[in-house]
Amino acid sequence: MLKLAEGSLDWALLHIENYGDTDIFPIPFEFQTIRNRWEQDIRPWLKSQDILKWIPRPYRRCLTPKHRYGFRISTQLDPLESIVFTSLVLEIGKDIESARIPKEENIAFSHRFAPNVNGKMYNLGYSWDSFQDYCRELVKSNEYSYVVLADIADFYPRIYFHPLENALSECTQKNNHVKAITSMIKNWNFNVSYGIPVGAAASRLLAELVIDDVDRGLLSEGVKHCRYVDDYRIFCKSEREAYEKLALLANTLFENHGLTLQQHKTRILSISEFNNFHLQRENSQELNSLSEKFYQILEDLGMENRYEEIDYDDLEPDVKAQIDSLNLKGILEEQVLSKETIDIPLVRFVLKRLKQIDSEESVDFVLKNINQLYPVFKDVITYITNLQVLSIDKKHEIGNKLVQLLDDSIVSHLEYHRLWLFDTFTKDREWDNEGKFVSIYNSYHDEFSQRKLILALGRAQQHSWFKSRKRTVNQMSPWLKRAFLAAASCLPGDEAEHWYRSLQTSLDPLELAITKWAKVTPF
């Protein structure tokens, strides 16, 4: 028997509320319900469950953009299962961290487990920035002449199950936790022997544990290297040694895990090339563009970070002042109009900063050039929908333009992009287009689009649409059913309450919680 501790469940929910259930999808509305009914219903039910007998709950996955021409399959777990998975990893997290090469050895800089009271899972002191700083130290030591740069191809989706299971069994005596985690992963993979969910924070610690044996294998061969996630850097004293160590890395990855390196990201550079092109920009180089000036400010202060978001609020006042002095709209326009491909982390930072300062100056520009911003569509939508300065008329105009993207833009072909687009209309009624939701719903048959449109129809008070479908709610998939239960709270009078009462025996704990929450906070 395995029952999760109350404190673990509390922390897992807090983590998801503060940092999302993934870093890819909008956080499901169900977590509002869960928080509302946490102490009365949800936590007692989860706490009572024998996790070894956990009945798998339907998750969902879809294709998401990695860059302009690259994609990955991303997974969003059922909300209750997301809490359980996070709790399980939390309870063996210290064991996993202890089994890894100690962080003080400066080998693995990514996802060092150190949960805090605010729900943060990983140590902020070990990051892309500290990875870069350590590489600078090695360059300055003058001991090395060449650097191998290598990146694993499709890391998370290609992690084999058995090495993960073995690594978990070796690192902890909590065998039931290992059984529960491996059982969940098998279910998510339809018993295919590889892959862990992309997007969930807890998955990252599992990936770090798996790849630890490659780090140890390199160390045993006297290799001087460091790593951030799937990004390896090997420091060598000769070009011959660099080729030898690259071959060793490639062979170890394949033999241990069946993993390969990305050819277009693997190279051998002289120490000066590495320093100039990967650690700093030449101070003597003329800064000809707004983007270059932005890079220079961050690099001068050790703030460049390709993997994690740059959080403006965490920057020092003098850095903020320098960034504020730049023309953010100009940087965005430069990236879109004069670059073959946008710098994704830079554009994300600019969009986030424009959102923070409540600037609508780039709204029309980003919508007009949405095809070029294809890889950062989520960030565009987040920027626009969080602006407080927008008038109702402007929101109506933007809502119309968003709906037009369904016909006029390449972004509409992905379920993922439609999910974010339709999410705009689920929050309130200020974006107009309410008369179009039914026809749009009938045009798109994927679950991601229909779920968001059901919520939008509820916000739009489309009573008749729900009246004609409420008898079929138990025939819907779980993700659609939960959205319908919540959105149908728009039904007039006490119709929703009577209907909810008639469904009681057919609802699971989360669905029951949704009906209780919806009665108090109807759409």
Protein backbone atom coordinates (compact mmCIF):
# COMPACT_ATOMS: atom_id res chain seq x y z
CA MET A 1 0.00 0.00 0.00
CA LEU A 2 1.17 3.54 -0.75
CA LYS A 3 -0.58 6.67 0.48
CA LEU A 4 0.72 10.14 -0.18
CA ALA A 5 1.44 12.50 2.69
CA GLU A 6 -0.85 15.47 3.19
CA GLY A 7 2.11 17.85 3.06
CA SER A 8 3.24 16.41 -0.28
CA LEU A 9 -0.20 16.88 -1.79
CA ASP A 10 -0.38 20.46 -0.46
CA TRP A 11 3.03 21.27 -1.92
CA ALA A 12 2.22 19.70 -5.28
CA LEU A 13 -0.93 21.79 -5.67
CA LEU A 14 0.94 24.95 -4.66
CA HIS A 15 3.69 24.15 -7.18
CA ILE A 16 1.18 23.74 -9.99
CA GLU A 17 -0.72 26.90 -9.07
CA ASN A 18 2.48 28.97 -9.02
CA TYR A 19 4.39 27.39 -11.89
CA GLY A 20 1.79 25.55 -13.96
CA ASP A 21 1.15 21.88 -14.54
CA THR A 22 3.37 22.28 -17.62
CA ASP A 23 5.37 25.11 -19.16
CA ILE A 24 3.54 24.57 -22.46
CA PHE A 25 -0.25 24.56 -22.03
CA PRO A 26 -2.62 26.97 -20.28
CA ILE A 27 -3.23 25.77 -16.75
CA PRO A 28 -6.60 23.92 -16.75
CA PHE A 29 -9.54 25.62 -15.04
CA GLU A 30 -9.90 22.46 -12.93
CA PHE A 31 -7.17 23.70 -10.60
CA GLN A 32 -9.44 26.56 -9.53
CA THR A 33 -12.01 23.92 -8.66
CA ILE A 34 -9.44 21.80 -6.87
CA ARG A 35 -8.29 24.71 -4.73
CA ASN A 36 -11.88 25.67 -3.95
CA ARG A 37 -12.77 22.13 -2.84
CA TRP A 38 -9.28 21.10 -1.64
CA GLU A 39 -9.83 20.72 2.09
CA GLN A 40 -13.43 19.53 1.91
CA ASP A 41 -13.26 17.01 -0.93
CA ILE A 42 -10.18 16.66 -3.10
CA ARG A 43 -7.31 16.34 -0.61
CA PRO A 44 -9.17 13.84 1.63
CA TRP A 45 -9.97 11.73 -1.42
CA LEU A 46 -6.39 11.80 -2.76
CA LYS A 47 -5.00 11.12 0.71
CA SER A 48 -7.22 8.05 1.03
CA GLN A 49 -6.07 6.49 -2.24
CA ASP A 50 -3.71 3.53 -2.39
CA ILE A 51 -1.52 4.86 -5.19
CA LEU A 52 -0.41 1.33 -6.07
CA LYS A 53 -4.01 0.75 -7.12
CA TRP A 54 -4.35 4.12 -8.82
CA ILE A 55 -6.73 3.95 -11.76
CA PRO A 56 -5.14 5.79 -14.71
CA ARG A 57 -6.90 8.98 -15.70
CA PRO A 58 -7.02 10.19 -19.32
CA TYR A 59 -4.26 12.60 -20.27
CA ARG A 60 -3.91 14.42 -23.58
CA ARG A 61 -1.06 15.19 -25.92
CA CYS A 62 -0.52 17.11 -29.12
CA LEU A 63 2.12 18.44 -31.48
CA THR A 64 3.71 21.69 -30.26
CA PRO A 65 6.28 23.94 -32.01
CA LYS A 66 9.89 23.74 -30.83
CA HIS A 67 11.08 26.27 -33.39
CA ARG A 68 9.80 27.42 -36.78
CA TYR A 69 10.21 24.07 -38.51
CA GLY A 70 10.59 21.74 -35.55
CA PHE A 71 7.99 20.06 -33.36
CA ARG A 72 7.65 17.85 -30.34
CA ILE A 73 4.83 15.88 -28.76
CA SER A 74 3.82 17.47 -25.45
CA THR A 75 1.69 15.87 -22.75
CA GLN A 76 -0.81 17.37 -20.32
CA LEU A 77 -1.79 15.05 -17.49
CA ASP A 78 -5.21 14.85 -15.91
CA PRO A 79 -5.24 17.47 -13.11
CA LEU A 80 -5.55 14.93 -10.28
CA GLU A 81 -2.90 12.70 -11.80
CA SER A 82 -0.63 15.72 -12.21
CA ILE A 83 -0.87 16.35 -8.46
CA VAL A 84 -0.21 12.68 -7.69
CA PHE A 85 2.78 12.46 -10.06
CA THR A 86 4.31 15.65 -8.63
CA SER A 87 3.77 14.39 -5.08
CA LEU A 88 5.41 11.05 -5.86
CA VAL A 89 8.50 12.69 -7.31
CA LEU A 90 8.62 15.16 -4.43
CA GLU A 91 8.67 12.31 -1.88
CA ILE A 92 11.69 10.64 -3.48
CA GLY A 93 13.27 13.83 -4.82
CA LYS A 94 15.98 13.96 -2.14
CA ASP A 95 16.94 10.36 -2.88
CA ILE A 96 17.19 11.13 -6.59
CA GLU A 97 19.29 14.23 -5.96
CA SER A 98 21.60 12.31 -3.62
CA ALA A 99 22.15 9.65 -6.29
CA ARG A 100 23.32 12.21 -8.84
CA ILE A 101 26.86 13.53 -9.13
CA PRO A 102 26.99 16.22 -6.41
CA LYS A 103 26.21 19.67 -7.71
CA GLU A 104 29.43 21.02 -6.20
CA GLU A 105 31.43 19.02 -8.75
CA ASN A 106 30.11 21.34 -11.46
CA ILE A 107 29.10 18.63 -13.90
CA ALA A 108 25.30 18.80 -14.14
CA PHE A 109 23.93 22.33 -13.75
CA SER A 110 20.32 21.58 -14.61
CA HIS A 111 17.38 20.86 -12.30
CA ARG A 112 19.10 20.36 -8.98
CA PHE A 113 16.29 19.37 -6.63
CA ALA A 114 15.70 21.92 -3.86
CA PRO A 115 11.96 22.49 -3.22
CA ASN A 116 10.98 25.61 -1.30
CA VAL A 117 7.87 26.73 0.57
CA ASN A 118 6.56 28.65 -2.46
CA GLY A 119 6.38 25.55 -4.62
CA LYS A 120 9.62 26.09 -6.53
CA MET A 121 11.10 22.69 -7.31
CA TYR A 122 14.68 23.42 -8.36
CA ASN A 123 17.75 25.23 -7.03
CA LEU A 124 17.96 28.72 -8.52
CA GLY A 125 21.72 28.74 -7.95
CA TYR A 126 22.23 26.11 -10.64
CA SER A 127 21.06 27.36 -13.99
CA TRP A 128 22.12 28.21 -17.52
CA ASP A 129 23.86 31.28 -16.11
CA SER A 130 25.97 29.27 -13.67
CA PHE A 131 26.71 26.78 -16.48
CA GLN A 132 28.00 29.66 -18.61
CA ASP A 133 30.02 31.09 -15.72
CA TYR A 134 31.73 27.76 -15.09
CA CYS A 135 32.63 27.46 -18.77
CA ARG A 136 34.18 30.93 -18.57
CA GLU A 137 36.31 29.76 -15.65
CA LEU A 138 37.57 26.80 -17.67
CA VAL A 139 38.40 29.06 -20.60
CA LYS A 140 40.31 31.47 -18.36
CA SER A 141 42.32 28.61 -16.84
CA ASN A 142 44.26 28.38 -20.11
CA GLU A 143 44.40 24.59 -19.71
CA TYR A 144 42.32 23.78 -22.77
CA SER A 145 42.61 24.43 -26.49
CA TYR A 146 39.39 22.91 -27.86
CA VAL A 147 35.77 22.50 -26.80
CA VAL A 148 33.27 19.88 -27.97
CA LEU A 149 29.68 21.12 -28.16
CA ALA A 150 27.06 18.36 -28.40
CA ASP A 151 23.30 18.17 -27.96
CA ILE A 152 21.15 15.04 -27.54
CA ALA A 153 18.50 14.51 -30.21
CA ASP A 154 14.94 14.17 -28.81
CA PHE A 155 16.07 13.62 -25.24
CA TYR A 156 12.82 13.24 -23.25
CA PRO A 157 10.81 11.38 -25.92
CA ARG A 158 13.63 8.84 -26.40
CA ILE A 159 14.41 7.99 -22.77
CA TYR A 160 14.06 4.23 -22.44
CA PHE A 161 11.87 2.92 -19.68
CA HIS A 162 14.10 0.18 -18.27
CA PRO A 163 17.16 2.39 -17.55
CA LEU A 164 14.82 4.81 -15.78
CA GLU A 165 13.23 2.03 -13.75
CA ASN A 166 16.66 0.65 -12.80
CA ALA A 167 17.97 4.08 -11.84
CA LEU A 168 14.94 4.76 -9.64
CA SER A 169 15.23 1.36 -7.95
CA GLU A 170 18.91 1.95 -7.21
CA CYS A 171 18.53 5.47 -5.81
CA THR A 172 15.74 4.92 -3.28
CA GLN A 173 14.42 2.33 -0.87
CA LYS A 174 10.88 3.62 -1.43
CA ASN A 175 10.05 0.76 -3.75
CA ASN A 176 6.34 1.51 -3.83
CA HIS A 177 7.04 5.01 -5.14
CA VAL A 178 9.12 3.48 -7.92
CA LYS A 179 6.30 1.07 -8.77
CA ALA A 180 3.74 3.87 -8.83
CA ILE A 181 5.85 6.18 -11.00
CA THR A 182 6.80 3.47 -13.48
CA SER A 183 3.20 2.27 -13.68
CA MET A 184 2.06 5.79 -14.55
CA ILE A 185 4.71 6.22 -17.23
CA LYS A 186 3.82 2.87 -18.80
CA ASN A 187 0.20 3.97 -19.01
CA TRP A 188 1.09 7.31 -20.58
CA ASN A 189 3.21 5.52 -23.20
CA PHE A 190 0.64 2.79 -24.00
CA ASN A 191 3.31 0.36 -22.75
CA VAL A 192 5.80 1.58 -25.40
CA SER A 193 9.27 1.23 -23.90
CA TYR A 194 10.45 4.84 -24.16
CA GLY A 195 9.49 8.43 -23.45
CA ILE A 196 8.59 10.55 -20.41
CA PRO A 197 6.10 13.45 -20.44
CA VAL A 198 7.41 16.68 -21.94
CA GLY A 199 6.36 19.78 -20.01
CA ALA A 200 5.89 18.65 -16.39
CA ALA A 201 8.51 19.88 -13.91
CA ALA A 202 8.67 16.50 -12.17
CA SER A 203 9.72 14.82 -15.44
CA ARG A 204 12.92 16.86 -15.50
CA LEU A 205 14.26 15.29 -12.32
CA LEU A 206 13.63 11.81 -13.74
CA ALA A 207 15.49 12.72 -16.92
CA GLU A 208 18.44 14.03 -14.90
CA LEU A 209 18.61 10.77 -12.95
CA VAL A 210 18.63 8.68 -16.12
CA ILE A 211 21.42 10.62 -17.81
CA ASP A 212 23.61 10.70 -14.70
CA ASP A 213 25.31 7.46 -15.71
CA VAL A 214 26.62 9.11 -18.89
CA ASP A 215 28.19 11.87 -16.80
CA ARG A 216 29.77 9.26 -14.56
CA GLY A 217 31.01 7.29 -17.55
CA LEU A 218 32.72 10.36 -18.95
CA LEU A 219 34.25 11.16 -15.56
CA SER A 220 35.63 7.65 -15.26
CA GLU A 221 37.45 8.16 -18.56
CA GLY A 222 39.01 11.39 -17.35
CA VAL A 223 36.83 13.63 -19.50
CA LYS A 224 36.53 17.27 -18.41
CA HIS A 225 32.96 18.17 -19.17
CA CYS A 226 29.81 19.88 -17.93
CA ARG A 227 26.19 19.65 -18.95
CA TYR A 228 22.94 21.59 -18.92
CA VAL A 229 19.95 19.33 -19.65
CA ASP A 230 20.94 17.75 -23.01
CA ASP A 231 23.69 20.23 -23.84
CA TYR A 232 27.23 18.87 -23.32
CA ARG A 233 30.51 20.75 -23.35
CA ILE A 234 33.79 18.82 -23.26
CA PHE A 235 37.08 20.66 -22.72
CA CYS A 236 40.16 19.20 -24.42
CA LYS A 237 43.86 19.98 -24.81
CA SER A 238 44.15 18.96 -28.47
CA GLU A 239 41.96 18.56 -31.53
CA ARG A 240 42.70 14.83 -31.56
CA GLU A 241 41.50 14.52 -27.97
CA ALA A 242 38.35 16.46 -28.88
CA TYR A 243 37.44 13.95 -31.59
CA GLU A 244 38.19 11.04 -29.27
CA LYS A 245 36.02 12.44 -26.48
CA LEU A 246 33.18 13.25 -28.88
CA ALA A 247 33.21 9.66 -30.09
CA LEU A 248 33.24 8.45 -26.47
CA LEU A 249 30.20 10.58 -25.64
CA ALA A 250 28.30 9.40 -28.73
CA ASN A 251 29.08 5.75 -27.97
CA THR A 252 28.16 6.04 -24.26
CA LEU A 253 24.83 7.69 -25.05
CA PHE A 254 23.95 5.02 -27.58
CA GLU A 255 25.13 2.02 -25.59
CA ASN A 256 23.54 3.16 -22.31
CA HIS A 257 20.32 4.67 -23.62
CA GLY A 258 20.00 4.31 -27.38
CA LEU A 259 20.33 8.10 -27.66
CA THR A 260 22.08 9.98 -30.47
CA LEU A 261 23.49 13.48 -30.94
CA GLN A 262 21.99 16.21 -33.10
CA GLN A 263 24.36 16.53 -36.04
CA HIS A 264 23.65 20.19 -36.75
CA LYS A 265 24.36 21.17 -33.14
CA THR A 266 27.50 19.06 -32.66
CA ARG A 267 30.85 20.72 -33.36
CA ILE A 268 34.42 21.12 -32.22
CA LEU A 269 35.65 24.68 -31.69
CA SER A 270 38.93 26.20 -30.71
CA ILE A 271 38.85 27.70 -27.24
CA SER A 272 38.88 31.23 -28.70
CA GLU A 273 35.98 30.48 -31.07
CA PHE A 274 34.00 29.01 -28.20
CA ASN A 275 34.73 32.02 -26.02
CA ASN A 276 33.82 34.54 -28.69
CA PHE A 277 30.68 32.90 -30.05
CA HIS A 278 29.21 31.13 -27.04
CA LEU A 279 30.36 32.96 -23.93
CA GLN A 280 30.55 36.57 -24.91
CA ARG A 281 30.24 39.00 -27.71
CA GLU A 282 33.32 40.92 -28.66
CA ASN A 283 33.42 44.12 -26.63
CA SER A 284 35.10 45.81 -29.58
CA GLN A 285 32.31 44.72 -31.93
CA GLU A 286 30.16 47.59 -33.11
CA LEU A 287 26.62 47.16 -31.91
CA ASN A 288 24.64 47.74 -35.07
CA SER A 289 21.23 46.58 -33.90
CA LEU A 290 18.81 46.99 -31.04
CA SER A 291 18.90 43.24 -30.46
CA GLU A 292 22.71 43.32 -30.14
CA LYS A 293 22.47 46.10 -27.57
CA PHE A 294 20.00 44.04 -25.60
CA TYR A 295 22.31 41.02 -25.69
CA GLN A 296 25.22 43.17 -24.61
CA ILE A 297 23.40 44.49 -21.55
CA LEU A 298 22.49 40.97 -20.42
CA GLU A 299 25.90 39.48 -21.14
CA ASP A 300 27.80 42.28 -19.44
CA LEU A 301 25.86 41.44 -16.31
CA GLY A 302 25.92 37.66 -16.74
CA MET A 303 22.19 37.53 -17.48
CA GLU A 304 22.09 35.69 -20.81
CA ASN A 305 19.98 32.56 -20.52
CA ARG A 306 18.87 30.49 -23.49
CA TYR A 307 16.94 27.87 -21.55
CA GLU A 308 15.05 29.65 -18.81
CA GLU A 309 12.87 32.72 -18.97
CA ILE A 310 14.56 35.97 -18.08
CA ASP A 311 12.39 37.40 -15.32
CA TYR A 312 12.47 41.18 -15.40
CA ASP A 313 11.34 41.38 -11.78
CA ASP A 314 14.43 39.45 -10.68
CA LEU A 315 16.88 41.84 -12.36
CA GLU A 316 18.88 44.44 -10.49
CA PRO A 317 17.64 48.06 -10.71
CA ASP A 318 20.54 49.18 -12.91
CA VAL A 319 19.86 46.32 -15.35
CA LYS A 320 16.17 47.21 -15.42
CA ALA A 321 17.06 50.83 -16.16
CA GLN A 322 19.28 49.81 -19.07
CA ILE A 323 16.60 47.55 -20.52
CA ASP A 324 13.94 50.22 -20.06
CA SER A 325 16.09 52.60 -22.06
CA LEU A 326 15.89 50.30 -25.08
CA ASN A 327 13.19 50.47 -27.71
CA LEU A 328 11.39 47.18 -27.03
CA LYS A 329 9.00 47.65 -29.93
CA GLY A 330 12.00 48.32 -32.14
CA ILE A 331 13.68 45.07 -31.01
CA LEU A 332 10.52 43.14 -31.83
CA GLU A 333 10.20 44.75 -35.25
CA GLU A 334 13.87 44.13 -35.99
CA GLN A 335 13.54 40.45 -35.11
CA VAL A 336 10.45 39.99 -37.28
CA LEU A 337 11.33 42.15 -40.27
CA SER A 338 15.08 41.78 -40.68
CA LYS A 339 15.91 38.30 -39.36
CA GLU A 340 15.54 35.05 -41.26
CA THR A 341 14.37 33.38 -38.05
CA ILE A 342 13.52 35.10 -34.80
CA ASP A 343 15.58 34.64 -31.65
CA ILE A 344 12.91 32.84 -29.64
CA PRO A 345 14.18 33.57 -26.08
CA LEU A 346 14.74 37.24 -26.93
CA VAL A 347 11.30 37.70 -28.49
CA ARG A 348 9.69 35.94 -25.53
CA PHE A 349 11.44 38.29 -23.13
CA VAL A 350 10.35 41.37 -25.07
CA LEU A 351 6.73 40.20 -25.22
CA LYS A 352 6.76 39.46 -21.51
CA ARG A 353 8.25 42.86 -20.73
CA LEU A 354 5.69 44.63 -22.94
CA LYS A 355 3.01 42.79 -20.97
CA GLN A 356 4.57 43.81 -17.64
CA ILE A 357 4.68 47.50 -18.54
CA ASP A 358 1.13 47.24 -19.93
CA SER A 359 2.17 48.51 -23.36
CA GLU A 360 -0.23 47.96 -26.23
CA GLU A 361 2.08 49.59 -28.77
CA SER A 362 3.03 46.28 -30.41
CA VAL A 363 -0.39 44.57 -30.46
CA ASP A 364 -1.27 45.43 -34.05
CA PHE A 365 2.25 44.64 -35.21
CA VAL A 366 2.37 41.14 -33.72
CA LEU A 367 -1.07 40.23 -35.07
CA LYS A 368 -0.14 41.49 -38.53
CA ASN A 369 3.08 39.45 -38.47
CA ILE A 370 1.78 36.40 -36.65
CA ASN A 371 3.17 33.95 -39.22
CA GLN A 372 6.73 35.04 -38.43
CA LEU A 373 5.94 34.71 -34.74
CA TYR A 374 4.66 31.14 -35.21
CA PRO A 375 7.05 29.59 -32.59
CA VAL A 376 6.03 32.11 -29.89
CA PHE A 377 2.28 32.21 -30.53
CA LYS A 378 1.57 31.30 -26.90
CA ASP A 379 3.62 34.30 -25.77
CA VAL A 380 1.82 36.60 -28.20
CA ILE A 381 -1.57 35.53 -26.83
CA THR A 382 -0.34 35.85 -23.22
CA TYR A 383 0.98 39.36 -23.95
CA ILE A 384 -2.28 40.54 -25.52
CA THR A 385 -4.75 38.98 -23.11
CA ASN A 386 -2.97 40.25 -20.00
CA LEU A 387 -2.92 43.91 -21.03
CA GLN A 388 -4.98 46.07 -18.67
CA VAL A 389 -4.81 49.19 -20.81
CA LEU A 390 -6.96 47.85 -23.67
CA SER A 391 -10.36 49.47 -24.17
CA ILE A 392 -13.45 47.36 -24.79
CA ASP A 393 -13.54 48.54 -28.41
CA LYS A 394 -9.89 47.53 -28.85
CA LYS A 395 -10.59 44.12 -27.32
CA HIS A 396 -13.47 43.65 -29.77
CA GLU A 397 -11.17 44.55 -32.63
CA ILE A 398 -8.48 42.15 -31.40
CA GLY A 399 -11.05 39.38 -30.90
CA ASN A 400 -12.14 39.77 -34.52
CA LYS A 401 -8.53 39.59 -35.71
CA LEU A 402 -7.90 36.46 -33.66
CA VAL A 403 -10.92 34.73 -35.21
CA GLN A 404 -9.72 35.80 -38.67
CA LEU A 405 -6.44 33.99 -38.01
CA LEU A 406 -8.36 30.72 -38.31
CA ASP A 407 -8.68 31.40 -42.06
CA ASP A 408 -5.83 33.78 -42.80
CA SER A 409 -2.80 32.40 -40.91
CA ILE A 410 -0.58 29.35 -40.79
CA VAL A 411 -0.94 29.26 -36.99
CA SER A 412 -4.44 27.82 -37.19
CA HIS A 413 -3.33 24.42 -38.50
CA LEU A 414 -2.04 23.26 -35.09
CA GLU A 415 -4.39 22.14 -32.33
CA TYR A 416 -1.93 23.73 -29.93
CA HIS A 417 -2.25 27.19 -31.47
CA ARG A 418 -6.03 26.96 -31.66
CA LEU A 419 -6.05 25.98 -27.99
CA TRP A 420 -4.27 29.21 -27.06
CA LEU A 421 -6.36 31.30 -29.46
CA PHE A 422 -9.69 30.02 -28.11
CA ASP A 423 -8.43 30.33 -24.52
CA THR A 424 -8.76 34.11 -24.96
CA PHE A 425 -12.55 33.81 -25.06
CA THR A 426 -12.86 31.60 -21.96
CA LYS A 427 -11.94 34.25 -19.38
CA ASP A 428 -14.65 36.87 -19.91
CA ARG A 429 -16.99 38.33 -22.54
CA GLU A 430 -14.89 41.34 -23.51
CA TRP A 431 -13.40 39.92 -26.72
CA ASP A 432 -16.71 39.79 -28.65
CA ASN A 433 -17.40 37.21 -31.42
CA GLU A 434 -19.85 35.30 -29.23
CA GLY A 435 -22.17 34.67 -32.15
CA LYS A 436 -19.44 32.74 -33.99
CA PHE A 437 -18.58 30.17 -31.32
CA VAL A 438 -21.18 27.56 -32.32
CA SER A 439 -20.14 27.52 -35.99
CA ILE A 440 -16.47 27.42 -35.01
CA TYR A 441 -17.19 24.54 -32.63
CA ASN A 442 -18.85 22.66 -35.49
CA SER A 443 -15.81 23.30 -37.71
CA TYR A 444 -13.15 21.88 -35.39
CA HIS A 445 -13.48 18.36 -34.03
CA ASP A 446 -10.29 18.02 -32.00
CA GLU A 447 -10.67 17.88 -28.22
CA PHE A 448 -8.30 20.79 -27.58
CA SER A 449 -10.37 23.23 -29.65
CA GLN A 450 -13.78 21.94 -28.56
CA ARG A 451 -12.96 22.05 -24.86
CA LYS A 452 -11.97 25.73 -25.03
CA LEU A 453 -14.98 26.55 -27.17
CA ILE A 454 -17.32 24.87 -24.66
CA LEU A 455 -15.91 27.14 -21.96
CA ALA A 456 -16.26 30.14 -24.28
CA LEU A 457 -19.88 29.23 -24.99
CA GLY A 458 -20.52 29.14 -21.26
CA ARG A 459 -19.01 32.59 -20.81
CA ALA A 460 -21.17 33.76 -23.71
CA GLN A 461 -24.30 32.51 -21.91
CA GLN A 462 -25.36 30.30 -24.83
CA HIS A 463 -28.15 28.66 -22.83
CA SER A 464 -29.83 26.92 -25.72
CA TRP A 465 -26.62 25.22 -26.83
CA PHE A 466 -26.20 23.61 -23.41
CA LYS A 467 -29.90 22.75 -23.06
CA SER A 468 -29.82 20.68 -26.24
CA ARG A 469 -26.70 18.75 -25.23
CA LYS A 470 -26.86 18.27 -21.48
CA ARG A 471 -28.45 14.81 -21.78
CA THR A 472 -25.35 13.54 -23.61
CA VAL A 473 -22.76 14.78 -21.11
CA ASN A 474 -21.86 11.27 -19.94
CA GLN A 475 -20.98 10.32 -23.52
CA MET A 476 -18.29 13.00 -23.70
CA SER A 477 -14.59 12.40 -23.14
CA PRO A 478 -13.45 13.34 -19.60
CA TRP A 479 -11.74 16.59 -20.67
CA LEU A 480 -14.81 17.73 -22.60
CA LYS A 481 -17.20 16.52 -19.90
CA ARG A 482 -15.48 18.58 -17.20
CA ALA A 483 -15.60 21.69 -19.39
CA PHE A 484 -19.28 21.11 -20.14
CA LEU A 485 -20.11 20.64 -16.45
CA ALA A 486 -18.44 23.93 -15.59
CA ALA A 487 -19.74 25.95 -18.52
CA ALA A 488 -23.31 24.66 -18.21
CA SER A 489 -23.54 26.59 -14.95
CA CYS A 490 -24.70 29.42 -17.23
CA LEU A 491 -28.10 27.73 -17.51
CA PRO A 492 -30.81 30.09 -16.20
CA GLY A 493 -32.47 29.92 -12.81
CA ASP A 494 -31.93 26.71 -10.90
CA GLU A 495 -31.81 24.53 -14.02
CA ALA A 496 -28.08 23.82 -13.65
CA GLU A 497 -28.46 22.89 -9.98
CA HIS A 498 -31.28 20.44 -10.69
CA TRP A 499 -29.30 18.94 -13.56
CA TYR A 500 -26.16 18.59 -11.42
CA ARG A 501 -28.20 16.79 -8.78
CA SER A 502 -29.44 14.26 -11.33
CA LEU A 503 -25.84 13.43 -12.30
CA GLN A 504 -24.38 12.83 -8.85
CA THR A 505 -24.02 9.06 -9.11
CA SER A 506 -22.29 9.23 -12.51
CA LEU A 507 -19.56 11.73 -11.58
CA ASP A 508 -16.04 11.09 -10.31
CA PRO A 509 -14.55 13.15 -7.42
CA LEU A 510 -13.18 15.89 -9.67
CA GLU A 511 -16.41 16.17 -11.63
CA LEU A 512 -18.40 16.37 -8.40
CA ALA A 513 -16.09 19.12 -7.18
CA ILE A 514 -16.66 21.01 -10.43
CA THR A 515 -20.44 20.99 -9.94
CA LYS A 516 -20.05 22.31 -6.37
CA TRP A 517 -17.64 25.02 -7.50
CA ALA A 518 -19.75 25.98 -10.50
CA LYS A 519 -22.86 26.46 -8.37
CA VAL A 520 -20.98 29.01 -6.27
CA THR A 521 -19.15 30.69 -9.18
CA PRO A 522 -21.37 30.13 -12.23
CA PHE A 523 -20.29 31.14 -15.71
